Amino acid sequence: MSDVMIAVQHVFKSVTDSTGTLTILRDIDFSLNKGETAAIVGASGSGKSTLLSIIAGLDTPTSGTVQMDGTDLFALDEDQRAALRAQKLGFVFQSFQLLGNLTALENVMLPLELSGRRDARATATQMLQRVGLGERLGHYPKVLSGGEQQRVALARAFVVQPAVLLADEPTGSLDFATGATIMELMFDLNREQGTTLVLVTHDRAIAQRCERRITIEAGQVAVEAVALAG
């Protein structure tokens, strides 16, 4: 049985409009093992978020493919990819992406309910307690601080115990101290659950905490660094 969780295989992504063709990603090729942590870094516009969307199966490559735990994402149709995401993926976004008409508890319950879990309320409550929001279960996002909203987002992402967590600039909307606390929590939860973590970040300190750093320049992998043990 393979230890590889994510295999990005010769991925190209181009878009064409009236001005011509723009190549966003060019021959991206790497793999990540189960439980590994990786940061995708690079300047704005280098293709980082596009790559993350392709890894999630939310965007399709012009050529090449992505395998998730041995399954070729782009051999599946959209409904099958959505089912795979529900089963294996968690997401954390810069803008939190909470549903404003749901309480913190209801936001975290939602993915459990969608998968048919009967213990959704108890499991979501326990997860919110784990991220330090046991007193905020009935609060709506608009009355929560940015840091609290991102804690809810972390709880929602990890509550289903995903095989893979994808995070796009998870501290981008937070001040330095709050962002540092959120990242500490994310790495703690990641260790506890043995999740494969892929995060896009501009923050060099966050990137250096990951086992792998994949630098994208002009749509290509410019350098891939492996963290030294210690």
C-alpha atoms as a PDB file:
ATOM      1  CA  MET A   1       0.000   0.000   0.000  1.00  0.00           C
ATOM      2  CA  SER A   2       1.431   3.355  -1.068  1.00  0.00           C
ATOM      3  CA  ASP A   3       2.356   6.049   1.449  1.00  0.00           C
ATOM      4  CA  VAL A   4       1.755   8.739  -1.188  1.00  0.00           C
ATOM      5  CA  MET A   5      -1.340  10.844  -0.444  1.00  0.00           C
ATOM      6  CA  ILE A   6      -1.012  13.544  -3.131  1.00  0.00           C
ATOM      7  CA  ALA A   7       0.761  13.102  -6.462  1.00  0.00           C
ATOM      8  CA  VAL A   8       0.801  16.149  -8.755  1.00  0.00           C
ATOM      9  CA  GLN A   9       1.856  14.838 -12.151  1.00  0.00           C
ATOM     10  CA  HIS A  10       3.114  17.170 -14.913  1.00  0.00           C
ATOM     11  CA  VAL A  11       0.367  19.737 -14.373  1.00  0.00           C
ATOM     12  CA  PHE A  12       0.023  22.593 -16.852  1.00  0.00           C
ATOM     13  CA  LYS A  13      -2.652  25.280 -16.644  1.00  0.00           C
ATOM     14  CA  SER A  14      -3.285  27.848 -19.376  1.00  0.00           C
ATOM     15  CA  VAL A  15      -6.123  30.289 -19.986  1.00  0.00           C
ATOM     16  CA  THR A  16      -6.968  31.883 -23.317  1.00  0.00           C
ATOM     17  CA  ASP A  17      -8.809  35.124 -23.970  1.00  0.00           C
ATOM     18  CA  SER A  18      -8.915  37.773 -26.688  1.00  0.00           C
ATOM     19  CA  THR A  19      -5.345  38.861 -25.894  1.00  0.00           C
ATOM     20  CA  GLY A  20      -3.888  35.369 -26.303  1.00  0.00           C
ATOM     21  CA  THR A  21      -2.881  32.463 -24.066  1.00  0.00           C
ATOM     22  CA  LEU A  22      -1.457  32.852 -20.578  1.00  0.00           C
ATOM     23  CA  THR A  23       0.328  29.888 -19.000  1.00  0.00           C
ATOM     24  CA  ILE A  24      -0.279  29.964 -15.233  1.00  0.00           C
ATOM     25  CA  LEU A  25       1.360  26.646 -14.294  1.00  0.00           C
ATOM     26  CA  ARG A  26       4.074  24.840 -16.217  1.00  0.00           C
ATOM     27  CA  ASP A  27       4.959  21.172 -15.626  1.00  0.00           C
ATOM     28  CA  ILE A  28       4.324  21.042 -11.854  1.00  0.00           C
ATOM     29  CA  ASP A  29       5.402  17.647 -10.551  1.00  0.00           C
ATOM     30  CA  PHE A  30       5.744  16.526  -6.914  1.00  0.00           C
ATOM     31  CA  SER A  31       4.255  14.111  -4.406  1.00  0.00           C
ATOM     32  CA  LEU A  32       3.466  14.245  -0.682  1.00  0.00           C
ATOM     33  CA  ASN A  33       3.271  11.312   1.694  1.00  0.00           C
ATOM     34  CA  LYS A  34       0.510  10.683   4.197  1.00  0.00           C
ATOM     35  CA  GLY A  35       0.880  12.951   7.231  1.00  0.00           C
ATOM     36  CA  GLU A  36       3.437  15.219   5.541  1.00  0.00           C
ATOM     37  CA  THR A  37       3.250  19.022   5.819  1.00  0.00           C
ATOM     38  CA  ALA A  38       4.090  21.221   2.843  1.00  0.00           C
ATOM     39  CA  ALA A  39       4.063  24.969   2.198  1.00  0.00           C
ATOM     40  CA  ILE A  40       3.572  26.346  -1.309  1.00  0.00           C
ATOM     41  CA  VAL A  41       5.304  29.719  -1.446  1.00  0.00           C
ATOM     42  CA  GLY A  42       5.952  32.347  -4.089  1.00  0.00           C
ATOM     43  CA  ALA A  43       5.132  35.898  -5.107  1.00  0.00           C
ATOM     44  CA  SER A  44       1.575  37.069  -5.764  1.00  0.00           C
ATOM     45  CA  GLY A  45       0.479  35.902  -9.193  1.00  0.00           C
ATOM     46  CA  SER A  46       2.964  33.016  -9.302  1.00  0.00           C
ATOM     47  CA  GLY A  47       0.169  30.409  -9.495  1.00  0.00           C
ATOM     48  CA  LYS A  48       0.057  29.177  -5.872  1.00  0.00           C
ATOM     49  CA  SER A  49      -3.697  29.437  -5.341  1.00  0.00           C
ATOM     50  CA  THR A  50      -4.407  28.000  -8.802  1.00  0.00           C
ATOM     51  CA  LEU A  51      -2.251  24.999  -7.899  1.00  0.00           C
ATOM     52  CA  LEU A  52      -4.120  24.545  -4.606  1.00  0.00           C
ATOM     53  CA  SER A  53      -7.453  24.655  -6.469  1.00  0.00           C
ATOM     54  CA  ILE A  54      -6.236  21.979  -8.886  1.00  0.00           C
ATOM     55  CA  ILE A  55      -5.030  19.775  -6.003  1.00  0.00           C
ATOM     56  CA  ALA A  56      -8.557  20.114  -4.565  1.00  0.00           C
ATOM     57  CA  GLY A  57     -10.138  19.209  -7.901  1.00  0.00           C
ATOM     58  CA  LEU A  58     -11.962  22.566  -7.902  1.00  0.00           C
ATOM     59  CA  ASP A  59     -10.085  23.702 -11.015  1.00  0.00           C
ATOM     60  CA  THR A  60      -8.991  21.475 -13.888  1.00  0.00           C
ATOM     61  CA  PRO A  61      -5.501  21.427 -15.416  1.00  0.00           C
ATOM     62  CA  THR A  62      -4.941  21.978 -19.126  1.00  0.00           C
ATOM     63  CA  SER A  63      -2.849  18.802 -19.025  1.00  0.00           C
ATOM     64  CA  GLY A  64      -1.438  16.507 -16.372  1.00  0.00           C
ATOM     65  CA  THR A  65      -3.309  15.163 -13.383  1.00  0.00           C
ATOM     66  CA  VAL A  66      -3.489  14.879  -9.604  1.00  0.00           C
ATOM     67  CA  GLN A  67      -3.851  11.633  -7.708  1.00  0.00           C
ATOM     68  CA  MET A  68      -5.427  11.755  -4.249  1.00  0.00           C
ATOM     69  CA  ASP A  69      -4.741   8.603  -2.229  1.00  0.00           C
ATOM     70  CA  GLY A  70      -4.357   6.666  -5.474  1.00  0.00           C
ATOM     71  CA  THR A  71      -7.455   8.097  -7.195  1.00  0.00           C
ATOM     72  CA  ASP A  72      -6.993  10.144 -10.381  1.00  0.00           C
ATOM     73  CA  LEU A  73      -9.110  13.262  -9.687  1.00  0.00           C
ATOM     74  CA  PHE A  74      -9.578  14.143 -13.314  1.00  0.00           C
ATOM     75  CA  ALA A  75     -10.741  10.675 -14.315  1.00  0.00           C
ATOM     76  CA  LEU A  76     -13.782  11.485 -12.132  1.00  0.00           C
ATOM     77  CA  ASP A  77     -16.732  13.667 -13.089  1.00  0.00           C
ATOM     78  CA  GLU A  78     -17.602  16.781 -11.060  1.00  0.00           C
ATOM     79  CA  ASP A  79     -20.058  14.961  -8.788  1.00  0.00           C
ATOM     80  CA  GLN A  80     -17.520  12.222  -8.056  1.00  0.00           C
ATOM     81  CA  ARG A  81     -14.840  14.814  -7.279  1.00  0.00           C
ATOM     82  CA  ALA A  82     -17.255  16.597  -4.925  1.00  0.00           C
ATOM     83  CA  ALA A  83     -17.932  13.285  -3.152  1.00  0.00           C
ATOM     84  CA  LEU A  84     -14.184  12.659  -2.807  1.00  0.00           C
ATOM     85  CA  ARG A  85     -13.674  16.152  -1.351  1.00  0.00           C
ATOM     86  CA  ALA A  86     -16.442  15.548   1.178  1.00  0.00           C
ATOM     87  CA  GLN A  87     -14.792  12.284   2.196  1.00  0.00           C
ATOM     88  CA  LYS A  88     -11.113  13.246   2.279  1.00  0.00           C
ATOM     89  CA  LEU A  89     -10.589  17.039   2.237  1.00  0.00           C
ATOM     90  CA  GLY A  90     -10.783  19.901   4.697  1.00  0.00           C
ATOM     91  CA  PHE A  91     -10.365  23.567   3.701  1.00  0.00           C
ATOM     92  CA  VAL A  92      -9.260  26.701   5.546  1.00  0.00           C
ATOM     93  CA  PHE A  93      -9.437  30.028   3.704  1.00  0.00           C
ATOM     94  CA  GLN A  94      -8.065  33.514   4.340  1.00  0.00           C
ATOM     95  CA  SER A  95     -11.627  34.899   4.391  1.00  0.00           C
ATOM     96  CA  PHE A  96     -12.932  32.176   6.769  1.00  0.00           C
ATOM     97  CA  GLN A  97     -15.911  31.295   4.477  1.00  0.00           C
ATOM     98  CA  LEU A  98     -18.320  30.775   7.358  1.00  0.00           C
ATOM     99  CA  LEU A  99     -22.067  30.848   6.702  1.00  0.00           C
ATOM    100  CA  GLY A 100     -23.340  34.031   8.321  1.00  0.00           C
ATOM    101  CA  ASN A 101     -26.839  32.724   9.000  1.00  0.00           C
ATOM    102  CA  LEU A 102     -25.495  29.774  11.026  1.00  0.00           C
ATOM    103  CA  THR A 103     -24.061  29.845  14.552  1.00  0.00           C
ATOM    104  CA  ALA A 104     -20.510  28.674  15.243  1.00  0.00           C
ATOM    105  CA  LEU A 105     -21.900  25.283  16.282  1.00  0.00           C
ATOM    106  CA  GLU A 106     -24.104  24.980  13.183  1.00  0.00           C
ATOM    107  CA  ASN A 107     -21.186  25.898  10.890  1.00  0.00           C
ATOM    108  CA  VAL A 108     -19.096  23.075  12.382  1.00  0.00           C
ATOM    109  CA  MET A 109     -22.020  20.633  12.394  1.00  0.00           C
ATOM    110  CA  LEU A 110     -22.715  21.193   8.690  1.00  0.00           C
ATOM    111  CA  PRO A 111     -20.084  18.881   7.125  1.00  0.00           C
ATOM    112  CA  LEU A 112     -20.984  16.167   9.644  1.00  0.00           C
ATOM    113  CA  GLU A 113     -24.686  16.466   8.824  1.00  0.00           C
ATOM    114  CA  LEU A 114     -23.951  16.373   5.095  1.00  0.00           C
ATOM    115  CA  SER A 115     -22.128  13.070   5.603  1.00  0.00           C
ATOM    116  CA  GLY A 116     -25.051  11.652   7.604  1.00  0.00           C
ATOM    117  CA  ARG A 117     -23.432  11.666  11.046  1.00  0.00           C
ATOM    118  CA  ARG A 118     -26.008  11.296  13.816  1.00  0.00           C
ATOM    119  CA  ASP A 119     -23.597  12.565  16.466  1.00  0.00           C
ATOM    120  CA  ALA A 120     -23.022  15.867  14.626  1.00  0.00           C
ATOM    121  CA  ARG A 121     -23.990  18.163  17.506  1.00  0.00           C
ATOM    122  CA  ALA A 122     -21.914  16.387  20.146  1.00  0.00           C
ATOM    123  CA  THR A 123     -18.885  15.999  17.857  1.00  0.00           C
ATOM    124  CA  ALA A 124     -19.015  19.636  16.705  1.00  0.00           C
ATOM    125  CA  THR A 125     -19.380  20.840  20.304  1.00  0.00           C
ATOM    126  CA  GLN A 126     -16.329  18.826  21.344  1.00  0.00           C
ATOM    127  CA  MET A 127     -14.313  20.223  18.420  1.00  0.00           C
ATOM    128  CA  LEU A 128     -15.223  23.818  19.256  1.00  0.00           C
ATOM    129  CA  GLN A 129     -14.183  23.188  22.845  1.00  0.00           C
ATOM    130  CA  ARG A 130     -10.875  21.849  21.499  1.00  0.00           C
ATOM    131  CA  VAL A 131     -10.207  25.134  19.667  1.00  0.00           C
ATOM    132  CA  GLY A 132     -11.143  27.204  22.725  1.00  0.00           C
ATOM    133  CA  LEU A 133     -14.640  28.289  21.715  1.00  0.00           C
ATOM    134  CA  GLY A 134     -16.760  26.240  24.109  1.00  0.00           C
ATOM    135  CA  GLU A 135     -18.392  29.458  25.339  1.00  0.00           C
ATOM    136  CA  ARG A 136     -19.211  30.736  21.831  1.00  0.00           C
ATOM    137  CA  LEU A 137     -21.293  27.878  20.399  1.00  0.00           C
ATOM    138  CA  GLY A 138     -24.419  29.966  19.825  1.00  0.00           C
ATOM    139  CA  HIS A 139     -22.680  33.034  18.428  1.00  0.00           C
ATOM    140  CA  TYR A 140     -23.006  34.053  14.793  1.00  0.00           C
ATOM    141  CA  PRO A 141     -19.877  34.908  12.753  1.00  0.00           C
ATOM    142  CA  LYS A 142     -20.640  38.662  12.714  1.00  0.00           C
ATOM    143  CA  VAL A 143     -20.136  38.901  16.495  1.00  0.00           C
ATOM    144  CA  LEU A 144     -16.920  36.838  16.496  1.00  0.00           C
ATOM    145  CA  SER A 145     -13.449  38.356  16.063  1.00  0.00           C
ATOM    146  CA  GLY A 146     -11.335  37.384  13.055  1.00  0.00           C
ATOM    147  CA  GLY A 147      -9.304  34.995  15.201  1.00  0.00           C
ATOM    148  CA  GLU A 148     -12.464  33.391  16.574  1.00  0.00           C
ATOM    149  CA  GLN A 149     -13.908  33.011  13.078  1.00  0.00           C
ATOM    150  CA  GLN A 150     -10.730  31.277  11.924  1.00  0.00           C
ATOM    151  CA  ARG A 151     -10.953  28.952  14.951  1.00  0.00           C
ATOM    152  CA  VAL A 152     -14.471  28.041  13.853  1.00  0.00           C
ATOM    153  CA  ALA A 153     -13.118  27.445  10.340  1.00  0.00           C
ATOM    154  CA  LEU A 154     -10.376  25.190  11.748  1.00  0.00           C
ATOM    155  CA  ALA A 155     -12.929  23.270  13.802  1.00  0.00           C
ATOM    156  CA  ARG A 156     -15.132  22.830  10.719  1.00  0.00           C
ATOM    157  CA  ALA A 157     -12.169  21.625   8.649  1.00  0.00           C
ATOM    158  CA  PHE A 158     -10.817  19.145  11.214  1.00  0.00           C
ATOM    159  CA  VAL A 159     -14.125  17.863  12.629  1.00  0.00           C
ATOM    160  CA  VAL A 160     -14.473  15.345   9.781  1.00  0.00           C
ATOM    161  CA  GLN A 161     -10.887  14.133  10.370  1.00  0.00           C
ATOM    162  CA  PRO A 162      -9.866  14.742   6.754  1.00  0.00           C
ATOM    163  CA  ALA A 163      -7.011  12.852   5.151  1.00  0.00           C
ATOM    164  CA  VAL A 164      -5.862  16.130   3.576  1.00  0.00           C
ATOM    165  CA  LEU A 165      -6.163  19.734   4.775  1.00  0.00           C
ATOM    166  CA  LEU A 166      -5.700  22.530   2.240  1.00  0.00           C
ATOM    167  CA  ALA A 167      -5.145  26.032   3.632  1.00  0.00           C
ATOM    168  CA  ASP A 168      -4.957  29.182   1.483  1.00  0.00           C
ATOM    169  CA  GLU A 169      -3.247  32.073   3.331  1.00  0.00           C
ATOM    170  CA  PRO A 170      -4.918  31.027   6.625  1.00  0.00           C
ATOM    171  CA  THR A 171      -3.458  33.991   8.562  1.00  0.00           C
ATOM    172  CA  GLY A 172      -3.771  36.573   5.785  1.00  0.00           C
ATOM    173  CA  SER A 173      -6.682  38.421   7.427  1.00  0.00           C
ATOM    174  CA  LEU A 174      -5.300  38.282  10.972  1.00  0.00           C
ATOM    175  CA  ASP A 175      -2.851  40.372  12.990  1.00  0.00           C
ATOM    176  CA  PHE A 176       0.543  38.829  13.747  1.00  0.00           C
ATOM    177  CA  ALA A 177      -0.198  37.583  17.286  1.00  0.00           C
ATOM    178  CA  THR A 178      -3.606  36.129  16.364  1.00  0.00           C
ATOM    179  CA  GLY A 179      -2.141  34.533  13.244  1.00  0.00           C
ATOM    180  CA  ALA A 180       0.642  32.904  15.261  1.00  0.00           C
ATOM    181  CA  THR A 181      -1.916  31.446  17.694  1.00  0.00           C
ATOM    182  CA  ILE A 182      -4.054  30.116  14.836  1.00  0.00           C
ATOM    183  CA  MET A 183      -1.059  28.462  13.161  1.00  0.00           C
ATOM    184  CA  GLU A 184      -0.003  26.844  16.438  1.00  0.00           C
ATOM    185  CA  LEU A 185      -3.502  25.416  16.726  1.00  0.00           C
ATOM    186  CA  MET A 186      -3.511  24.243  13.101  1.00  0.00           C
ATOM    187  CA  PHE A 187      -0.211  22.397  13.479  1.00  0.00           C
ATOM    188  CA  ASP A 188      -1.354  20.866  16.794  1.00  0.00           C
ATOM    189  CA  LEU A 189      -4.591  19.567  15.252  1.00  0.00           C
ATOM    190  CA  ASN A 190      -2.662  18.350  12.234  1.00  0.00           C
ATOM    191  CA  ARG A 191      -0.300  16.304  14.430  1.00  0.00           C
ATOM    192  CA  GLU A 192      -3.162  14.911  16.494  1.00  0.00           C
ATOM    193  CA  GLN A 193      -5.015  13.666  13.413  1.00  0.00           C
ATOM    194  CA  GLY A 194      -2.076  12.756  11.158  1.00  0.00           C
ATOM    195  CA  THR A 195      -3.478  14.873   8.332  1.00  0.00           C
ATOM    196  CA  THR A 196      -1.526  15.679   5.172  1.00  0.00           C
ATOM    197  CA  LEU A 197      -1.311  19.485   5.242  1.00  0.00           C
ATOM    198  CA  VAL A 198      -0.766  21.697   2.192  1.00  0.00           C
ATOM    199  CA  LEU A 199      -0.789  25.425   2.805  1.00  0.00           C
ATOM    200  CA  VAL A 200      -0.256  28.457   0.599  1.00  0.00           C
ATOM    201  CA  THR A 201       1.474  31.261   2.484  1.00  0.00           C
ATOM    202  CA  HIS A 202       3.511  34.432   2.043  1.00  0.00           C
ATOM    203  CA  ASP A 203       4.814  34.046   5.596  1.00  0.00           C
ATOM    204  CA  ARG A 204       8.352  32.638   5.619  1.00  0.00           C
ATOM    205  CA  ALA A 205       8.143  31.689   9.315  1.00  0.00           C
ATOM    206  CA  ILE A 206       5.010  29.603   8.711  1.00  0.00           C
ATOM    207  CA  ALA A 207       6.555  27.972   5.630  1.00  0.00           C
ATOM    208  CA  GLN A 208       9.653  26.984   7.602  1.00  0.00           C
ATOM    209  CA  ARG A 209       7.511  25.040  10.070  1.00  0.00           C
ATOM    210  CA  CYS A 210       6.460  22.672   7.288  1.00  0.00           C
ATOM    211  CA  GLU A 211       8.493  19.593   6.358  1.00  0.00           C
ATOM    212  CA  ARG A 212       8.509  20.609   2.686  1.00  0.00           C
ATOM    213  CA  ARG A 213       8.635  24.020   1.002  1.00  0.00           C
ATOM    214  CA  ILE A 214       7.678  24.178  -2.661  1.00  0.00           C
ATOM    215  CA  THR A 215       8.536  27.535  -4.245  1.00  0.00           C
ATOM    216  CA  ILE A 216       6.615  28.540  -7.361  1.00  0.00           C
ATOM    217  CA  GLU A 217       8.153  31.144  -9.675  1.00  0.00           C
ATOM    218  CA  ALA A 218       6.474  32.127 -12.934  1.00  0.00           C
ATOM    219  CA  GLY A 219       4.311  29.019 -12.801  1.00  0.00           C
ATOM    220  CA  GLN A 220       7.129  26.540 -12.254  1.00  0.00           C
ATOM    221  CA  VAL A 221       8.628  24.782  -9.226  1.00  0.00           C
ATOM    222  CA  ALA A 222      11.761  26.860  -8.755  1.00  0.00           C
ATOM    223  CA  VAL A 223      13.067  25.091  -5.671  1.00  0.00           C
ATOM    224  CA  GLU A 224      11.870  22.413  -3.316  1.00  0.00           C
ATOM    225  CA  ALA A 225      13.329  22.420   0.186  1.00  0.00           C
ATOM    226  CA  VAL A 226      13.075  19.739   2.822  1.00  0.00           C
ATOM    227  CA  ALA A 227      13.219  20.873   6.459  1.00  0.00           C
ATOM    228  CA  LEU A 228      16.157  19.580   8.443  1.00  0.00           C
ATOM    229  CA  ALA A 229      15.329  17.342  11.353  1.00  0.00           C
ATOM    230  CA  GLY A 230      16.014  18.819  14.739  1.00  0.00           C
END
